[in-house]
């Protein structure tokens, strides 16, 4: 079920009502055509999907967190989690907010003493933090609607479990 959220439009200087869809990580797979990884998000209570192409370091970080694998020393996303936790703050949620020229944008929404503070982030980094903090992942509905649905939907329908390789 979509959630109604609010965010400030900095270009317009007004508060906008937005529709957020809660997503979960459906999988990580390697795209040999682009030599990048695809983070596949799927709507929790629906059928919408959103693939986001990400780099290998971010894919590795997300895979480690999903597998509950700890490293001898904290990685960058572990460090971010530690800073937020040690400062007695909390990640409320992560929201993929926009797509411009095939680049996705996201915010990490942090509770700082009762005040919600948005922190600009790449979606892959925001999601790597969200997985570590057990925080929900949302996508603005208009971002899902923006993607090229015809070719992408056909490609997604033809995915098989073995296409996801050994990452997840």
N, C-alpha and C. Protein backbone atom coordinates (compact mmCIF):
# COMPACT_ATOMS: atom_id res chain seq x y z
N UNK A 1 0.84 -1.18 0.00
CA UNK A 1 0.00 0.00 0.00
C UNK A 1 0.89 1.24 0.00
N UNK A 2 0.67 2.15 -0.93
CA UNK A 2 1.49 3.35 -0.99
C UNK A 2 1.33 4.22 0.26
N UNK A 3 2.37 4.95 0.57
CA UNK A 3 2.40 5.86 1.71
C UNK A 3 2.45 7.27 1.16
N UNK A 4 1.71 8.17 1.77
CA UNK A 4 1.78 9.57 1.37
C UNK A 4 2.87 10.23 2.19
N UNK A 5 3.78 10.86 1.53
CA UNK A 5 4.86 11.55 2.20
C UNK A 5 4.86 13.02 1.81
N UNK A 6 5.79 13.74 2.36
CA UNK A 6 5.93 15.15 2.04
C UNK A 6 7.40 15.45 1.82
N UNK A 7 7.65 16.33 0.89
CA UNK A 7 9.03 16.80 0.74
C UNK A 7 9.00 18.19 0.16
N UNK A 8 10.04 18.94 0.45
CA UNK A 8 10.13 20.31 -0.03
C UNK A 8 10.72 20.33 -1.42
N UNK A 9 10.07 21.06 -2.31
CA UNK A 9 10.62 21.28 -3.64
C UNK A 9 11.50 22.52 -3.55
N UNK A 10 12.81 22.33 -3.63
CA UNK A 10 13.72 23.47 -3.49
C UNK A 10 13.62 24.41 -4.68
N UNK A 11 13.31 23.87 -5.86
CA UNK A 11 13.20 24.73 -7.03
C UNK A 11 11.94 25.59 -6.97
N UNK A 12 10.85 25.02 -6.39
CA UNK A 12 9.59 25.76 -6.29
C UNK A 12 9.41 26.43 -4.94
N UNK A 13 10.16 25.97 -3.92
CA UNK A 13 10.05 26.54 -2.59
C UNK A 13 8.75 26.20 -1.88
N UNK A 14 8.14 25.06 -2.22
CA UNK A 14 6.88 24.66 -1.59
C UNK A 14 6.97 23.22 -1.10
N UNK A 15 6.05 22.85 -0.23
CA UNK A 15 5.96 21.48 0.25
C UNK A 15 5.06 20.69 -0.70
N UNK A 16 5.52 19.53 -1.16
CA UNK A 16 4.76 18.69 -2.07
C UNK A 16 4.29 17.42 -1.36
N UNK A 17 3.09 16.99 -1.67
CA UNK A 17 2.64 15.67 -1.24
C UNK A 17 3.11 14.68 -2.29
N UNK A 18 3.68 13.59 -1.83
CA UNK A 18 4.21 12.59 -2.75
C UNK A 18 3.70 11.22 -2.34
N UNK A 19 3.69 10.30 -3.28
CA UNK A 19 3.31 8.92 -3.00
C UNK A 19 4.58 8.08 -2.98
N UNK A 20 4.78 7.37 -1.86
CA UNK A 20 5.95 6.52 -1.70
C UNK A 20 5.51 5.06 -1.74
N UNK A 21 6.30 4.25 -2.41
CA UNK A 21 6.05 2.81 -2.43
C UNK A 21 7.19 2.13 -1.69
N UNK A 22 6.82 1.29 -0.71
CA UNK A 22 7.86 0.57 0.02
C UNK A 22 8.38 -0.57 -0.84
N UNK A 23 9.69 -0.70 -0.86
CA UNK A 23 10.36 -1.67 -1.70
C UNK A 23 11.22 -2.59 -0.83
N UNK A 24 11.58 -3.74 -1.42
CA UNK A 24 12.54 -4.64 -0.80
C UNK A 24 13.56 -5.02 -1.86
N UNK A 25 14.69 -5.49 -1.42
CA UNK A 25 15.72 -5.93 -2.37
C UNK A 25 15.33 -7.30 -2.87
N UNK A 26 15.08 -7.39 -4.16
CA UNK A 26 14.71 -8.66 -4.79
C UNK A 26 15.95 -9.43 -5.22
N UNK A 27 17.00 -8.71 -5.57
CA UNK A 27 18.21 -9.40 -5.99
C UNK A 27 19.29 -8.45 -6.46
N UNK A 28 20.46 -9.00 -6.62
CA UNK A 28 21.62 -8.32 -7.21
C UNK A 28 22.12 -9.20 -8.34
N UNK A 29 22.34 -8.62 -9.49
CA UNK A 29 22.88 -9.42 -10.58
C UNK A 29 23.88 -8.61 -11.39
N UNK A 30 24.74 -9.32 -12.08
CA UNK A 30 25.75 -8.68 -12.90
C UNK A 30 25.23 -8.53 -14.32
N UNK A 31 25.40 -7.32 -14.87
CA UNK A 31 25.00 -7.03 -16.25
C UNK A 31 26.26 -6.98 -17.11
N UNK A 32 26.55 -8.04 -17.86
CA UNK A 32 27.78 -8.07 -18.65
C UNK A 32 27.80 -7.02 -19.76
N UNK A 33 26.64 -6.57 -20.18
CA UNK A 33 26.60 -5.54 -21.24
C UNK A 33 27.19 -4.22 -20.76
N UNK A 34 26.90 -3.84 -19.51
CA UNK A 34 27.39 -2.56 -18.99
C UNK A 34 28.57 -2.75 -18.05
N UNK A 35 28.89 -4.02 -17.71
CA UNK A 35 29.94 -4.33 -16.75
C UNK A 35 29.64 -3.72 -15.38
N UNK A 36 28.34 -3.63 -15.06
CA UNK A 36 27.90 -3.09 -13.78
C UNK A 36 26.94 -4.09 -13.13
N UNK A 37 26.59 -3.81 -11.91
CA UNK A 37 25.65 -4.65 -11.18
C UNK A 37 24.28 -3.97 -11.18
N UNK A 38 23.25 -4.79 -11.08
CA UNK A 38 21.89 -4.27 -11.03
C UNK A 38 21.30 -4.63 -9.68
N UNK A 39 20.90 -3.61 -8.96
CA UNK A 39 20.17 -3.78 -7.71
C UNK A 39 18.70 -3.76 -8.08
N UNK A 40 18.01 -4.86 -7.88
CA UNK A 40 16.61 -4.96 -8.27
C UNK A 40 15.74 -4.79 -7.04
N UNK A 41 14.94 -3.72 -7.04
CA UNK A 41 13.98 -3.47 -5.96
C UNK A 41 12.61 -3.90 -6.43
N UNK A 42 11.82 -4.48 -5.52
CA UNK A 42 10.46 -4.90 -5.82
C UNK A 42 9.54 -4.34 -4.75
N UNK A 43 8.38 -3.89 -5.18
CA UNK A 43 7.40 -3.33 -4.26
C UNK A 43 6.97 -4.39 -3.24
N UNK A 44 6.91 -4.00 -1.97
CA UNK A 44 6.58 -4.94 -0.90
C UNK A 44 5.16 -5.48 -1.06
N UNK A 45 4.19 -4.62 -1.28
CA UNK A 45 2.80 -5.05 -1.40
C UNK A 45 2.26 -4.78 -2.80
N UNK A 46 3.04 -5.10 -3.80
CA UNK A 46 2.61 -4.84 -5.17
C UNK A 46 3.54 -5.53 -6.14
N UNK A 47 3.45 -5.11 -7.39
CA UNK A 47 4.22 -5.76 -8.44
C UNK A 47 5.27 -4.87 -9.10
N UNK A 48 5.33 -3.60 -8.71
CA UNK A 48 6.30 -2.71 -9.33
C UNK A 48 7.72 -3.11 -8.99
N UNK A 49 8.62 -2.93 -9.95
CA UNK A 49 10.04 -3.19 -9.75
C UNK A 49 10.83 -1.98 -10.21
N UNK A 50 12.03 -1.87 -9.69
CA UNK A 50 12.92 -0.79 -10.10
C UNK A 50 14.35 -1.31 -10.10
N UNK A 51 14.95 -1.47 -11.28
CA UNK A 51 16.36 -1.86 -11.34
C UNK A 51 17.24 -0.60 -11.31
N UNK A 52 18.29 -0.67 -10.51
CA UNK A 52 19.23 0.45 -10.41
C UNK A 52 20.62 -0.12 -10.67
N UNK A 53 21.29 0.42 -11.68
CA UNK A 53 22.64 -0.02 -12.00
C UNK A 53 23.59 0.63 -11.01
N UNK A 54 24.45 -0.22 -10.40
CA UNK A 54 25.37 0.27 -9.36
C UNK A 54 26.75 -0.31 -9.61
N UNK A 55 27.73 0.26 -8.93
CA UNK A 55 29.10 -0.20 -9.07
C UNK A 55 29.39 -1.43 -8.23
N UNK A 56 30.51 -2.07 -8.52
CA UNK A 56 30.91 -3.28 -7.80
C UNK A 56 31.11 -3.04 -6.30
N UNK A 57 31.78 -1.96 -5.88
CA UNK A 57 31.96 -1.77 -4.42
C UNK A 57 30.63 -1.68 -3.66
N UNK A 58 29.66 -0.98 -4.25
CA UNK A 58 28.36 -0.85 -3.59
C UNK A 58 27.61 -2.19 -3.60
N UNK A 59 27.71 -2.92 -4.72
CA UNK A 59 27.08 -4.24 -4.79
C UNK A 59 27.69 -5.18 -3.75
N UNK A 60 29.01 -5.15 -3.63
CA UNK A 60 29.69 -5.99 -2.63
C UNK A 60 29.24 -5.61 -1.22
N UNK A 61 29.14 -4.32 -0.95
CA UNK A 61 28.74 -3.85 0.37
C UNK A 61 27.32 -4.28 0.72
N UNK A 62 26.42 -4.16 -0.24
CA UNK A 62 25.03 -4.58 -0.02
C UNK A 62 24.97 -6.09 0.19
N UNK A 63 25.70 -6.85 -0.63
CA UNK A 63 25.70 -8.31 -0.50
C UNK A 63 26.25 -8.74 0.86
N UNK A 64 27.30 -8.09 1.33
CA UNK A 64 27.85 -8.41 2.65
C UNK A 64 26.81 -8.17 3.74
N UNK A 65 26.13 -7.03 3.66
CA UNK A 65 25.12 -6.70 4.68
C UNK A 65 23.94 -7.67 4.62
N UNK A 66 23.50 -8.02 3.41
CA UNK A 66 22.39 -8.97 3.29
C UNK A 66 22.76 -10.34 3.82
N UNK A 67 24.02 -10.70 3.68
CA UNK A 67 24.49 -12.01 4.15
C UNK A 67 24.95 -11.99 5.60
N UNK A 68 24.78 -10.83 6.27
CA UNK A 68 25.24 -10.69 7.67
C UNK A 68 26.70 -11.08 7.83
N UNK A 69 27.51 -10.70 6.85
CA UNK A 69 28.94 -11.00 6.89
C UNK A 69 29.67 -9.77 7.43
N UNK A 70 30.43 -9.98 8.49
CA UNK A 70 31.18 -8.85 9.06
C UNK A 70 32.63 -8.91 8.56
N UNK A 71 33.22 -7.74 8.49
CA UNK A 71 34.61 -7.62 8.05
C UNK A 71 35.48 -7.30 9.27
N UNK A 72 36.78 -7.56 9.20
CA UNK A 72 37.65 -7.30 10.36
C UNK A 72 37.60 -5.83 10.82
N UNK A 73 37.49 -4.94 9.89
CA UNK A 73 37.40 -3.50 10.20
C UNK A 73 36.18 -2.95 9.47
N UNK A 74 35.58 -1.86 9.98
CA UNK A 74 34.36 -1.34 9.34
C UNK A 74 34.62 -0.80 7.94
N UNK A 75 33.72 -1.15 7.03
CA UNK A 75 33.73 -0.55 5.70
C UNK A 75 33.00 0.79 5.78
N UNK A 76 32.99 1.55 4.70
CA UNK A 76 32.40 2.89 4.71
C UNK A 76 30.96 2.89 5.19
N UNK A 77 30.14 1.96 4.70
CA UNK A 77 28.73 1.95 5.10
C UNK A 77 28.57 1.51 6.55
N UNK A 78 29.49 0.67 7.04
CA UNK A 78 29.49 0.31 8.45
C UNK A 78 29.86 1.53 9.30
N UNK A 79 30.81 2.30 8.81
CA UNK A 79 31.22 3.52 9.51
C UNK A 79 30.05 4.50 9.62
N UNK A 80 29.32 4.68 8.53
CA UNK A 80 28.16 5.57 8.56
C UNK A 80 27.14 5.08 9.59
N UNK A 81 26.89 3.78 9.60
CA UNK A 81 25.97 3.21 10.60
C UNK A 81 26.48 3.48 12.01
N UNK A 82 27.77 3.26 12.24
CA UNK A 82 28.35 3.48 13.56
C UNK A 82 28.23 4.93 14.00
N UNK A 83 28.48 5.87 13.10
CA UNK A 83 28.38 7.29 13.43
C UNK A 83 26.94 7.63 13.81
N UNK A 84 25.99 7.21 12.99
CA UNK A 84 24.58 7.49 13.27
C UNK A 84 24.16 6.90 14.61
N UNK A 85 24.54 5.65 14.85
CA UNK A 85 24.18 4.96 16.10
C UNK A 85 24.85 5.61 17.31
N UNK A 86 26.15 5.89 17.20
CA UNK A 86 26.89 6.46 18.32
C UNK A 86 26.42 7.87 18.67
N UNK A 87 25.89 8.59 17.70
CA UNK A 87 25.35 9.94 17.95
C UNK A 87 23.89 9.89 18.38
N UNK A 88 23.41 8.67 18.67
CA UNK A 88 22.03 8.46 19.15
C UNK A 88 20.98 8.94 18.16
N UNK A 89 21.27 8.76 16.88
CA UNK A 89 20.31 9.10 15.84
C UNK A 89 19.80 7.79 15.23
N UNK A 90 18.83 7.92 14.34
CA UNK A 90 18.22 6.73 13.75
C UNK A 90 17.89 7.02 12.29
N UNK A 91 18.11 6.03 11.43
CA UNK A 91 17.68 6.15 10.04
C UNK A 91 16.21 5.75 10.00
N UNK A 92 15.35 6.72 9.68
CA UNK A 92 13.91 6.46 9.61
C UNK A 92 13.56 5.67 8.36
N UNK A 93 14.15 6.09 7.24
CA UNK A 93 13.90 5.43 5.96
C UNK A 93 14.84 5.99 4.93
N UNK A 94 14.89 5.28 3.82
CA UNK A 94 15.64 5.71 2.64
C UNK A 94 14.60 5.90 1.54
N UNK A 95 14.73 6.99 0.78
CA UNK A 95 13.78 7.27 -0.29
C UNK A 95 14.53 7.59 -1.58
N UNK A 96 14.25 6.81 -2.64
CA UNK A 96 14.74 7.16 -3.98
C UNK A 96 13.79 8.24 -4.47
N UNK A 97 14.32 9.44 -4.70
CA UNK A 97 13.49 10.62 -4.91
C UNK A 97 13.37 11.10 -6.34
N UNK A 98 14.33 10.75 -7.18
CA UNK A 98 14.31 11.36 -8.52
C UNK A 98 15.17 10.55 -9.47
N UNK A 99 14.93 10.79 -10.75
CA UNK A 99 15.79 10.28 -11.81
C UNK A 99 15.96 11.40 -12.82
N UNK A 100 17.21 11.76 -13.09
CA UNK A 100 17.53 12.82 -14.04
C UNK A 100 18.65 12.31 -14.94
N UNK A 101 18.40 12.31 -16.24
CA UNK A 101 19.40 11.82 -17.21
C UNK A 101 19.92 10.43 -16.83
N UNK A 102 19.00 9.53 -16.51
CA UNK A 102 19.31 8.14 -16.14
C UNK A 102 20.14 8.00 -14.87
N UNK A 103 20.17 9.04 -14.04
CA UNK A 103 20.84 8.99 -12.76
C UNK A 103 19.79 9.12 -11.66
N UNK A 104 19.79 8.14 -10.73
CA UNK A 104 18.84 8.16 -9.62
C UNK A 104 19.41 8.98 -8.46
N UNK A 105 18.50 9.58 -7.70
CA UNK A 105 18.85 10.36 -6.51
C UNK A 105 18.08 9.79 -5.33
N UNK A 106 18.67 9.91 -4.13
CA UNK A 106 18.01 9.39 -2.95
C UNK A 106 18.32 10.27 -1.75
N UNK A 107 17.52 10.08 -0.70
CA UNK A 107 17.76 10.71 0.60
C UNK A 107 17.76 9.64 1.67
N UNK A 108 18.66 9.80 2.62
CA UNK A 108 18.61 9.03 3.86
C UNK A 108 17.93 9.97 4.85
N UNK A 109 16.79 9.56 5.40
CA UNK A 109 16.07 10.42 6.35
C UNK A 109 16.43 9.98 7.76
N UNK A 110 17.10 10.88 8.47
CA UNK A 110 17.63 10.59 9.80
C UNK A 110 16.83 11.35 10.85
N UNK A 111 16.49 10.65 11.94
CA UNK A 111 15.84 11.28 13.09
C UNK A 111 16.94 11.82 14.00
N UNK A 112 17.00 13.14 14.11
CA UNK A 112 17.99 13.80 14.95
C UNK A 112 17.24 14.51 16.07
N UNK A 113 16.99 13.79 17.13
CA UNK A 113 16.28 14.37 18.27
C UNK A 113 14.87 14.83 17.94
N UNK A 114 14.16 14.03 17.15
CA UNK A 114 12.78 14.37 16.80
C UNK A 114 12.63 15.21 15.54
N UNK A 115 13.74 15.60 14.95
CA UNK A 115 13.72 16.37 13.70
C UNK A 115 14.18 15.46 12.57
N UNK A 116 13.39 15.39 11.50
CA UNK A 116 13.74 14.56 10.35
C UNK A 116 14.68 15.34 9.44
N UNK A 117 15.88 14.80 9.28
CA UNK A 117 16.92 15.47 8.48
C UNK A 117 17.20 14.64 7.23
N UNK A 118 16.95 15.21 6.02
CA UNK A 118 17.28 14.47 4.80
C UNK A 118 18.77 14.64 4.45
N UNK A 119 19.41 13.53 4.11
CA UNK A 119 20.81 13.56 3.69
C UNK A 119 20.88 13.05 2.26
N UNK A 120 21.37 13.88 1.35
CA UNK A 120 21.47 13.51 -0.06
C UNK A 120 22.43 12.34 -0.22
N UNK A 121 22.07 11.40 -1.07
CA UNK A 121 22.87 10.19 -1.23
C UNK A 121 22.63 9.56 -2.59
N UNK A 122 23.59 8.76 -3.02
CA UNK A 122 23.32 7.87 -4.15
C UNK A 122 22.43 6.76 -3.62
N UNK A 123 21.50 6.26 -4.42
CA UNK A 123 20.63 5.18 -3.94
C UNK A 123 21.41 3.96 -3.44
N UNK A 124 22.48 3.59 -4.12
CA UNK A 124 23.23 2.40 -3.70
C UNK A 124 23.82 2.59 -2.30
N UNK A 125 24.34 3.77 -2.01
CA UNK A 125 24.89 4.02 -0.68
C UNK A 125 23.79 4.08 0.37
N UNK A 126 22.68 4.74 0.03
CA UNK A 126 21.56 4.85 0.96
C UNK A 126 21.02 3.46 1.29
N UNK A 127 20.90 2.61 0.29
CA UNK A 127 20.37 1.26 0.51
C UNK A 127 21.37 0.41 1.30
N UNK A 128 22.66 0.58 1.04
CA UNK A 128 23.67 -0.15 1.82
C UNK A 128 23.58 0.22 3.30
N UNK A 129 23.30 1.48 3.59
CA UNK A 129 23.12 1.92 4.98
C UNK A 129 21.80 1.37 5.53
N UNK A 130 20.73 1.46 4.74
CA UNK A 130 19.41 0.99 5.19
C UNK A 130 19.44 -0.49 5.56
N UNK A 131 20.13 -1.30 4.77
CA UNK A 131 20.22 -2.74 5.06
C UNK A 131 20.90 -2.95 6.41
N UNK A 132 21.95 -2.18 6.68
CA UNK A 132 22.67 -2.32 7.94
C UNK A 132 21.86 -1.83 9.14
N UNK A 133 20.97 -0.87 8.91
CA UNK A 133 20.20 -0.27 10.00
C UNK A 133 18.78 -0.85 10.09
N UNK A 134 18.48 -1.83 9.25
CA UNK A 134 17.12 -2.41 9.21
C UNK A 134 16.07 -1.33 8.99
N UNK A 135 16.35 -0.40 8.10
CA UNK A 135 15.44 0.70 7.81
C UNK A 135 14.70 0.43 6.50
N UNK A 136 13.46 0.88 6.40
CA UNK A 136 12.69 0.63 5.18
C UNK A 136 13.20 1.45 3.99
N UNK A 137 12.97 0.90 2.82
CA UNK A 137 13.37 1.52 1.55
C UNK A 137 12.10 1.90 0.81
N UNK A 138 12.03 3.15 0.36
CA UNK A 138 10.88 3.63 -0.40
C UNK A 138 11.36 4.23 -1.71
N UNK A 139 10.45 4.26 -2.69
CA UNK A 139 10.71 4.94 -3.96
C UNK A 139 9.50 5.81 -4.24
N UNK A 140 9.75 7.04 -4.65
CA UNK A 140 8.64 7.90 -5.05
C UNK A 140 7.97 7.29 -6.27
N UNK A 141 6.65 7.25 -6.25
CA UNK A 141 5.88 6.62 -7.32
C UNK A 141 6.23 7.18 -8.69
N UNK A 142 6.47 8.47 -8.77
CA UNK A 142 6.75 9.08 -10.08
C UNK A 142 8.09 8.60 -10.65
N UNK A 143 9.01 8.16 -9.79
CA UNK A 143 10.29 7.63 -10.25
C UNK A 143 10.05 6.28 -10.93
N UNK A 144 9.19 5.47 -10.33
CA UNK A 144 8.86 4.17 -10.93
C UNK A 144 8.15 4.38 -12.27
N UNK A 145 7.24 5.35 -12.30
CA UNK A 145 6.48 5.62 -13.52
C UNK A 145 7.37 6.18 -14.63
N UNK A 146 8.46 6.82 -14.27
CA UNK A 146 9.33 7.48 -15.25
C UNK A 146 10.12 6.50 -16.11
N UNK A 147 10.49 5.37 -15.52
CA UNK A 147 11.37 4.46 -16.27
C UNK A 147 10.68 3.95 -17.54
N UNK A 148 11.48 3.57 -18.47
CA UNK A 148 10.97 3.06 -19.75
C UNK A 148 10.38 1.68 -19.52
N UNK A 149 9.08 1.60 -19.40
CA UNK A 149 8.44 0.37 -18.94
C UNK A 149 8.44 -0.75 -19.98
N UNK A 150 8.24 -0.47 -21.23
CA UNK A 150 8.07 -1.54 -22.22
C UNK A 150 9.27 -2.48 -22.30
N UNK A 151 10.41 -1.97 -22.69
CA UNK A 151 11.60 -2.80 -22.86
C UNK A 151 12.05 -3.37 -21.52
N UNK A 152 12.02 -2.56 -20.48
CA UNK A 152 12.48 -2.98 -19.18
C UNK A 152 11.59 -4.08 -18.61
N UNK A 153 10.29 -3.93 -18.69
CA UNK A 153 9.38 -4.94 -18.16
C UNK A 153 9.58 -6.28 -18.86
N UNK A 154 9.77 -6.24 -20.17
CA UNK A 154 9.98 -7.48 -20.92
C UNK A 154 11.28 -8.15 -20.46
N UNK A 155 12.33 -7.35 -20.27
CA UNK A 155 13.60 -7.87 -19.81
C UNK A 155 13.45 -8.50 -18.43
N UNK A 156 12.75 -7.80 -17.51
CA UNK A 156 12.57 -8.29 -16.15
C UNK A 156 11.74 -9.59 -16.12
N UNK A 157 10.73 -9.69 -16.98
CA UNK A 157 9.89 -10.89 -17.02
C UNK A 157 10.70 -12.12 -17.42
N UNK A 158 11.73 -11.92 -18.23
CA UNK A 158 12.52 -13.04 -18.73
C UNK A 158 13.69 -13.43 -17.82
N UNK A 159 13.85 -12.72 -16.69
CA UNK A 159 14.93 -13.06 -15.76
C UNK A 159 14.65 -14.41 -15.11
N UNK A 160 15.72 -15.18 -14.94
CA UNK A 160 15.63 -16.47 -14.27
C UNK A 160 16.51 -16.40 -13.01
N UNK A 161 16.24 -17.23 -12.02
CA UNK A 161 17.06 -17.19 -10.78
C UNK A 161 18.56 -17.32 -11.06
N UNK A 162 18.93 -18.11 -12.05
CA UNK A 162 20.35 -18.27 -12.33
C UNK A 162 21.00 -17.00 -12.89
N UNK A 163 20.18 -16.05 -13.38
CA UNK A 163 20.71 -14.77 -13.86
C UNK A 163 21.29 -13.95 -12.71
N UNK A 164 20.90 -14.27 -11.47
CA UNK A 164 21.37 -13.51 -10.33
C UNK A 164 22.73 -13.96 -9.84
N UNK A 165 23.28 -14.99 -10.40
CA UNK A 165 24.63 -15.45 -10.06
C UNK A 165 24.76 -15.79 -8.59
N UNK A 166 25.97 -15.63 -8.07
CA UNK A 166 26.26 -16.02 -6.68
C UNK A 166 26.30 -14.82 -5.75
N UNK A 167 25.85 -13.70 -6.17
CA UNK A 167 25.94 -12.51 -5.31
C UNK A 167 24.96 -12.60 -4.17
N UNK A 168 23.76 -13.11 -4.45
CA UNK A 168 22.76 -13.22 -3.38
C UNK A 168 22.23 -14.62 -3.33
